[in-house]
Amino acid sequence: MSNIILLFLCLFLGFFLRKTKLFPENGHLALNSFVINISLSALSLYYIPKITLNLQVIFPVMVPWINIGLAILFFTFLGKKMNGSKTLIGALIMCAGFGNTSFVGIPVIQSLYGESGLKTVMLVDQPGSFVALSTLGITIASFYSGEKVAISEIIKKILKFPPFIAFCVAVLLNLFNVNVPLQIDDVFANLGATTVPLALVSVGSQLRWQKLDHDAKPLFWALLFKLILFPAIIFILYFLILKQRGEMIEVAFLESAMGPMVTAAIIAAAHKLEPKLCNLILGVGIPLSFVTLAFWYIVMKYSGMLGM
């Protein structure tokens, strides 16, 4: 219960600090930078060396890649049917193709599964969400904005990305069964503990509700795909077709139902892919995702009791 209270309190504090102008206009950028480069890197170094690597880890890692792959297919098709502009299609792919697996995912999963659930979150987040965003995400944003980005530049960005470096180091520690000294491990744990409050304050400070105008239909399709259709596909694939169960699979499924990713929307807006729509998808999608997440959690638990 304390984690749930912390979650909503930090969201409210972020919103309150921005509305009262006690928070700098772009203060969330500093928080985002710290969370992404320091906090998430520390979480990787703390949790991943302790994960038992087996074939089942493929399921959480694949969730973000399936997400962006299906988003490309869905919104390319839908865009043609709607006669949507190139920038609109790009914005929808970016905002609905990446989930908020860390900023919202970490506190939610921690609330439901405790510390053990965060090991799976790291698998979804690092080799999943952030690698997909750094490769496909940048490529998609550049393509739909008309820019050209060399493959070598994308590779450089990935290799210089602190969470990716931390992930690679953590995997090596795991593979070679290296025991991290207790004092260093405690440092990683304390730095990683900053993720939840800072990330949620950042998200809260960015929540904005704007007049819909012509954005109502694209907003509807983006949130329908991200919060309903994609989780439904993962539910059918993982639970019903592949007959997978267990905490790791449950966490992977719930991560598929997270709201839109803040970083992906920022990248889309920076590439001039309908910035107003991107902010609107975040402003409506993140609060709404808490409702749809509760729905999917109940569906998952009920299906488990029925032996589905």
Protein backbone atom coordinates (compact mmCIF):
# COMPACT_ATOMS: atom_id res chain seq x y z
CA MET A 1 0.00 0.00 0.00
CA SER A 2 2.86 2.40 0.80
CA ASN A 3 4.19 1.97 -2.77
CA ILE A 4 0.76 2.82 -4.23
CA ILE A 5 0.56 5.94 -2.03
CA LEU A 6 4.10 6.95 -3.09
CA LEU A 7 3.16 6.45 -6.75
CA PHE A 8 0.16 8.80 -6.74
CA LEU A 9 1.78 11.26 -4.32
CA CYS A 10 4.82 11.74 -6.59
CA LEU A 11 2.60 12.14 -9.66
CA PHE A 12 0.58 14.78 -7.81
CA LEU A 13 3.73 16.54 -6.55
CA GLY A 14 5.11 16.81 -10.08
CA PHE A 15 1.82 18.25 -11.35
CA PHE A 16 1.50 20.58 -8.33
CA LEU A 17 5.10 21.87 -8.56
CA ARG A 18 4.64 22.76 -12.24
CA LYS A 19 1.24 24.43 -11.75
CA THR A 20 2.56 26.55 -8.83
CA LYS A 21 5.74 27.35 -10.81
CA LEU A 22 7.90 25.98 -7.98
CA PHE A 23 9.38 23.64 -10.61
CA PRO A 24 11.43 25.08 -13.53
CA GLU A 25 9.63 25.00 -16.88
CA ASN A 26 11.95 22.32 -18.27
CA GLY A 27 12.96 20.88 -14.91
CA HIS A 28 11.74 17.44 -15.98
CA LEU A 29 14.60 17.25 -18.49
CA ALA A 30 17.16 17.20 -15.68
CA LEU A 31 15.15 14.57 -13.78
CA ASN A 32 14.78 12.46 -16.94
CA SER A 33 18.51 12.64 -17.61
CA PHE A 34 19.39 11.54 -14.07
CA VAL A 35 16.83 8.71 -14.05
CA ILE A 36 17.82 7.37 -17.47
CA ASN A 37 21.60 7.69 -17.18
CA ILE A 38 22.19 7.09 -13.45
CA SER A 39 19.19 5.48 -11.73
CA LEU A 40 18.33 2.93 -14.43
CA SER A 41 21.99 2.07 -14.97
CA ALA A 42 22.31 1.40 -11.22
CA LEU A 43 19.20 -0.80 -11.26
CA SER A 44 20.67 -2.88 -14.10
CA LEU A 45 23.93 -3.35 -12.22
CA TYR A 46 22.02 -4.29 -9.06
CA TYR A 47 19.39 -6.68 -10.43
CA ILE A 48 20.65 -8.27 -13.66
CA PRO A 49 23.67 -10.04 -12.11
CA LYS A 50 21.19 -11.79 -9.79
CA ILE A 51 18.84 -13.04 -12.56
CA THR A 52 18.89 -16.72 -13.49
CA LEU A 53 19.35 -16.60 -17.26
CA ASN A 54 17.26 -19.15 -19.16
CA LEU A 55 15.05 -19.33 -22.23
CA GLN A 56 12.14 -17.71 -20.36
CA VAL A 57 13.94 -14.32 -20.27
CA ILE A 58 13.16 -14.06 -24.00
CA PHE A 59 9.50 -13.35 -23.19
CA PRO A 60 9.99 -10.06 -21.29
CA VAL A 61 12.76 -8.91 -23.65
CA MET A 62 10.53 -9.42 -26.69
CA VAL A 63 7.54 -7.40 -25.41
CA PRO A 64 8.83 -3.95 -26.53
CA TRP A 65 10.06 -5.31 -29.87
CA ILE A 66 6.66 -6.87 -30.61
CA ASN A 67 5.06 -3.56 -29.53
CA ILE A 68 6.95 -1.39 -32.00
CA GLY A 69 6.70 -3.99 -34.78
CA LEU A 70 2.92 -4.21 -34.50
CA ALA A 71 2.61 -0.41 -34.16
CA ILE A 72 4.44 0.06 -37.46
CA LEU A 73 2.09 -2.36 -39.22
CA PHE A 74 -1.08 -1.08 -37.55
CA PHE A 75 -0.53 2.67 -38.01
CA THR A 76 0.92 2.37 -41.51
CA PHE A 77 -2.28 0.59 -42.54
CA LEU A 78 -4.52 2.92 -40.51
CA GLY A 79 -2.70 6.01 -41.80
CA LYS A 80 -3.46 5.05 -45.39
CA LYS A 81 -7.13 4.46 -44.54
CA MET A 82 -7.35 7.84 -42.75
CA ASN A 83 -5.31 9.65 -45.41
CA GLY A 84 -3.08 10.76 -42.55
CA SER A 85 0.04 12.83 -43.10
CA LYS A 86 3.50 11.32 -42.78
CA THR A 87 4.14 13.25 -39.56
CA LEU A 88 0.86 12.00 -38.05
CA ILE A 89 1.67 8.36 -38.81
CA GLY A 90 5.15 8.82 -37.35
CA ALA A 91 3.75 10.39 -34.16
CA LEU A 92 1.26 7.55 -33.67
CA ILE A 93 3.91 4.87 -34.19
CA MET A 94 6.29 6.55 -31.73
CA CYS A 95 3.71 7.26 -29.02
CA ALA A 96 1.83 3.95 -29.22
CA GLY A 97 4.81 1.78 -30.15
CA PHE A 98 6.77 2.25 -26.92
CA GLY A 99 5.50 1.61 -23.40
CA ASN A 100 6.35 3.42 -20.17
CA THR A 101 8.21 0.37 -18.89
CA SER A 102 10.46 2.29 -16.48
CA PHE A 103 9.01 5.64 -15.33
CA VAL A 104 5.59 4.12 -14.60
CA GLY A 105 6.44 0.43 -14.96
CA ILE A 106 8.97 0.29 -12.13
CA PRO A 107 6.76 1.78 -9.37
CA VAL A 108 3.69 -0.19 -10.49
CA ILE A 109 5.51 -3.53 -10.65
CA GLN A 110 7.30 -2.82 -7.38
CA SER A 111 3.92 -2.15 -5.77
CA LEU A 112 2.49 -5.44 -7.04
CA TYR A 113 5.46 -7.82 -6.92
CA GLY A 114 8.02 -6.18 -4.65
CA GLU A 115 11.75 -6.26 -5.36
CA SER A 116 11.66 -9.58 -7.24
CA GLY A 117 9.48 -8.10 -9.99
CA LEU A 118 12.09 -5.44 -10.77
CA LYS A 119 14.46 -8.07 -12.18
CA THR A 120 11.96 -8.73 -14.97
CA VAL A 121 11.34 -4.99 -15.44
CA MET A 122 15.06 -4.56 -16.17
CA LEU A 123 14.82 -7.21 -18.90
CA VAL A 124 11.83 -5.49 -20.49
CA ASP A 125 13.39 -2.07 -20.11
CA GLN A 126 17.08 -2.34 -21.03
CA PRO A 127 17.51 -4.86 -23.91
CA GLY A 128 13.86 -4.25 -24.76
CA SER A 129 12.52 -0.70 -24.58
CA PHE A 130 15.69 1.38 -24.58
CA VAL A 131 17.57 -0.60 -27.24
CA ALA A 132 14.44 -0.60 -29.43
CA LEU A 133 14.01 3.14 -28.90
CA SER A 134 17.68 3.86 -29.59
CA THR A 135 17.59 1.89 -32.85
CA LEU A 136 14.12 1.59 -34.39
CA GLY A 137 12.76 4.63 -32.54
CA ILE A 138 15.42 7.04 -33.80
CA THR A 139 15.18 5.55 -37.30
CA ILE A 140 11.36 5.88 -37.39
CA ALA A 141 11.40 9.46 -36.06
CA SER A 142 14.04 10.45 -38.62
CA PHE A 143 12.26 8.72 -41.52
CA TYR A 144 8.84 10.28 -40.85
CA SER A 145 10.36 13.72 -40.28
CA GLY A 146 12.27 13.51 -43.56
CA GLU A 147 15.72 13.43 -41.95
CA LYS A 148 18.44 10.97 -42.90
CA VAL A 149 20.39 9.22 -40.18
CA ALA A 150 23.38 7.00 -40.95
CA ILE A 151 23.43 3.52 -39.42
CA SER A 152 26.87 4.31 -38.01
CA GLU A 153 25.39 7.23 -36.05
CA ILE A 154 22.69 5.01 -34.56
CA ILE A 155 25.30 2.41 -33.54
CA LYS A 156 27.41 5.16 -31.91
CA LYS A 157 24.40 6.40 -29.92
CA ILE A 158 23.68 2.90 -28.64
CA LEU A 159 27.30 2.20 -27.68
CA LYS A 160 27.52 5.52 -25.81
CA PHE A 161 24.15 5.12 -24.05
CA PRO A 162 24.90 4.68 -20.29
CA PRO A 163 22.01 2.25 -19.53
CA PHE A 164 23.12 0.06 -22.45
CA ILE A 165 26.72 0.07 -21.22
CA ALA A 166 25.52 -0.75 -17.69
CA PHE A 167 23.32 -3.55 -19.06
CA CYS A 168 26.24 -5.10 -20.96
CA VAL A 169 28.45 -4.94 -17.85
CA ALA A 170 25.66 -6.45 -15.73
CA VAL A 171 25.16 -9.33 -18.20
CA LEU A 172 28.91 -10.07 -18.14
CA LEU A 173 28.85 -10.08 -14.32
CA ASN A 174 25.97 -12.55 -14.51
CA LEU A 175 27.55 -14.82 -17.12
CA PHE A 176 30.89 -15.01 -15.31
CA ASN A 177 29.17 -15.35 -11.92
CA VAL A 178 31.04 -12.37 -10.47
CA ASN A 179 30.01 -11.45 -6.93
CA VAL A 180 29.76 -7.67 -6.60
CA PRO A 181 31.19 -6.51 -3.23
CA LEU A 182 28.41 -5.80 -0.73
CA GLN A 183 29.39 -2.12 -0.30
CA ILE A 184 29.27 -1.52 -4.09
CA ASP A 185 26.01 -3.44 -4.38
CA ASP A 186 24.50 -1.18 -1.69
CA VAL A 187 25.58 1.88 -3.71
CA PHE A 188 23.78 0.49 -6.79
CA ALA A 189 20.69 -0.24 -4.67
CA ASN A 190 20.59 3.29 -3.20
CA LEU A 191 21.10 4.97 -6.58
CA GLY A 192 18.45 2.71 -8.12
CA ALA A 193 16.02 3.65 -5.32
CA THR A 194 15.91 7.20 -6.74
CA THR A 195 14.22 5.89 -9.90
CA VAL A 196 10.65 5.71 -8.61
CA PRO A 197 10.20 9.14 -6.93
CA LEU A 198 12.19 11.10 -9.53
CA ALA A 199 10.56 9.38 -12.50
CA LEU A 200 7.04 9.89 -11.15
CA VAL A 201 7.63 13.55 -10.26
CA SER A 202 8.94 14.03 -13.81
CA VAL A 203 5.89 12.33 -15.33
CA GLY A 204 3.53 14.34 -13.10
CA SER A 205 5.18 17.61 -14.13
CA GLN A 206 4.63 16.78 -17.81
CA LEU A 207 0.93 15.87 -17.61
CA ARG A 208 -1.03 18.37 -19.67
CA TRP A 209 -4.59 18.25 -20.93
CA GLN A 210 -5.30 20.29 -24.04
CA LYS A 211 -8.28 20.97 -26.24
CA LEU A 212 -8.83 18.02 -28.57
CA ASP A 213 -9.92 19.72 -31.83
CA HIS A 214 -8.91 17.46 -34.74
CA ASP A 215 -6.67 15.34 -32.50
CA ALA A 216 -9.57 13.34 -31.01
CA LYS A 217 -9.55 10.53 -33.58
CA PRO A 218 -5.73 9.99 -33.64
CA LEU A 219 -5.72 10.12 -29.82
CA PHE A 220 -8.43 7.45 -29.70
CA TRP A 221 -6.56 5.10 -32.06
CA ALA A 222 -3.22 5.60 -30.28
CA LEU A 223 -4.65 4.78 -26.85
CA LEU A 224 -6.87 1.96 -28.15
CA PHE A 225 -3.80 0.26 -29.60
CA LYS A 226 -1.45 0.93 -26.68
CA LEU A 227 -3.80 0.22 -23.76
CA ILE A 228 -6.21 -2.38 -25.18
CA LEU A 229 -5.19 -4.06 -28.46
CA PHE A 230 -1.50 -4.65 -27.77
CA PRO A 231 -1.96 -6.05 -24.23
CA ALA A 232 -4.73 -8.28 -25.61
CA ILE A 233 -2.34 -9.65 -28.25
CA ILE A 234 0.36 -10.36 -25.63
CA PHE A 235 -2.25 -11.98 -23.36
CA ILE A 236 -3.41 -14.30 -26.13
CA LEU A 237 0.14 -15.05 -27.31
CA TYR A 238 1.83 -15.64 -23.95
CA PHE A 239 -0.97 -17.11 -21.82
CA LEU A 240 -3.27 -18.87 -24.28
CA ILE A 241 -1.09 -19.91 -27.23
CA LEU A 242 2.33 -20.42 -25.63
CA LYS A 243 0.82 -21.52 -22.26
CA GLN A 244 3.34 -19.51 -20.21
CA ARG A 245 2.83 -18.70 -16.52
CA GLY A 246 4.80 -17.48 -13.53
CA GLU A 247 5.87 -14.13 -12.11
CA MET A 248 8.24 -13.28 -14.98
CA ILE A 249 5.50 -13.78 -17.59
CA GLU A 250 2.95 -11.86 -15.51
CA VAL A 251 5.30 -8.90 -15.14
CA ALA A 252 6.12 -9.01 -18.87
CA PHE A 253 2.39 -8.95 -19.67
CA LEU A 254 1.67 -6.02 -17.33
CA GLU A 255 4.60 -4.12 -18.84
CA SER A 256 2.91 -4.53 -22.24
CA ALA A 257 -0.11 -2.69 -20.81
CA MET A 258 1.80 0.36 -19.56
CA GLY A 259 0.91 3.78 -20.94
CA PRO A 260 2.91 5.59 -23.64
CA MET A 261 6.62 6.20 -23.09
CA VAL A 262 7.62 9.76 -22.17
CA THR A 263 11.03 9.55 -23.87
CA ALA A 264 9.56 8.27 -27.16
CA ALA A 265 7.04 11.14 -27.22
CA ILE A 266 9.84 13.64 -26.51
CA ILE A 267 11.89 12.25 -29.43
CA ALA A 268 8.83 12.39 -31.71
CA ALA A 269 8.10 16.01 -30.72
CA ALA A 270 11.76 16.95 -31.21
CA HIS A 271 11.49 15.64 -34.78
CA LYS A 272 8.37 17.79 -35.29
CA LEU A 273 6.03 14.80 -35.46
CA GLU A 274 2.81 16.47 -34.27
CA PRO A 275 4.16 17.77 -30.89
CA LYS A 276 0.71 18.78 -29.60
CA LEU A 277 -0.70 15.30 -30.28
CA CYS A 278 2.33 13.67 -28.61
CA ASN A 279 1.79 15.72 -25.43
CA LEU A 280 -1.93 14.93 -25.53
CA ILE A 281 -1.30 11.18 -25.82
CA LEU A 282 0.97 11.38 -22.76
CA GLY A 283 -1.40 13.62 -20.79
CA VAL A 284 -4.41 11.36 -21.33
CA GLY A 285 -2.66 8.02 -21.80
CA ILE A 286 -0.60 7.85 -18.61
CA PRO A 287 -3.46 8.57 -16.14
CA LEU A 288 -5.84 6.36 -18.15
CA SER A 289 -3.30 3.52 -18.11
CA PHE A 290 -3.75 3.12 -14.34
CA VAL A 291 -7.40 2.22 -15.00
CA THR A 292 -6.66 -0.16 -17.90
CA LEU A 293 -3.76 -1.72 -15.95
CA ALA A 294 -6.16 -2.57 -13.12
CA PHE A 295 -8.48 -4.15 -15.70
CA TRP A 296 -5.70 -6.27 -17.23
CA TYR A 297 -4.41 -7.29 -13.80
CA ILE A 298 -7.88 -8.60 -12.86
CA VAL A 299 -8.21 -10.39 -16.23
CA MET A 300 -4.78 -12.00 -15.76
CA LYS A 301 -5.49 -13.20 -12.20
CA TYR A 302 -8.99 -14.42 -13.10
CA SER A 303 -7.68 -16.36 -16.11
CA GLY A 304 -5.07 -17.94 -13.83
CA MET A 305 -7.75 -19.14 -11.43
CA LEU A 306 -9.66 -20.63 -14.37
CA GLY A 307 -6.49 -22.39 -15.53
CA MET A 308 -6.42 -20.63 -18.90
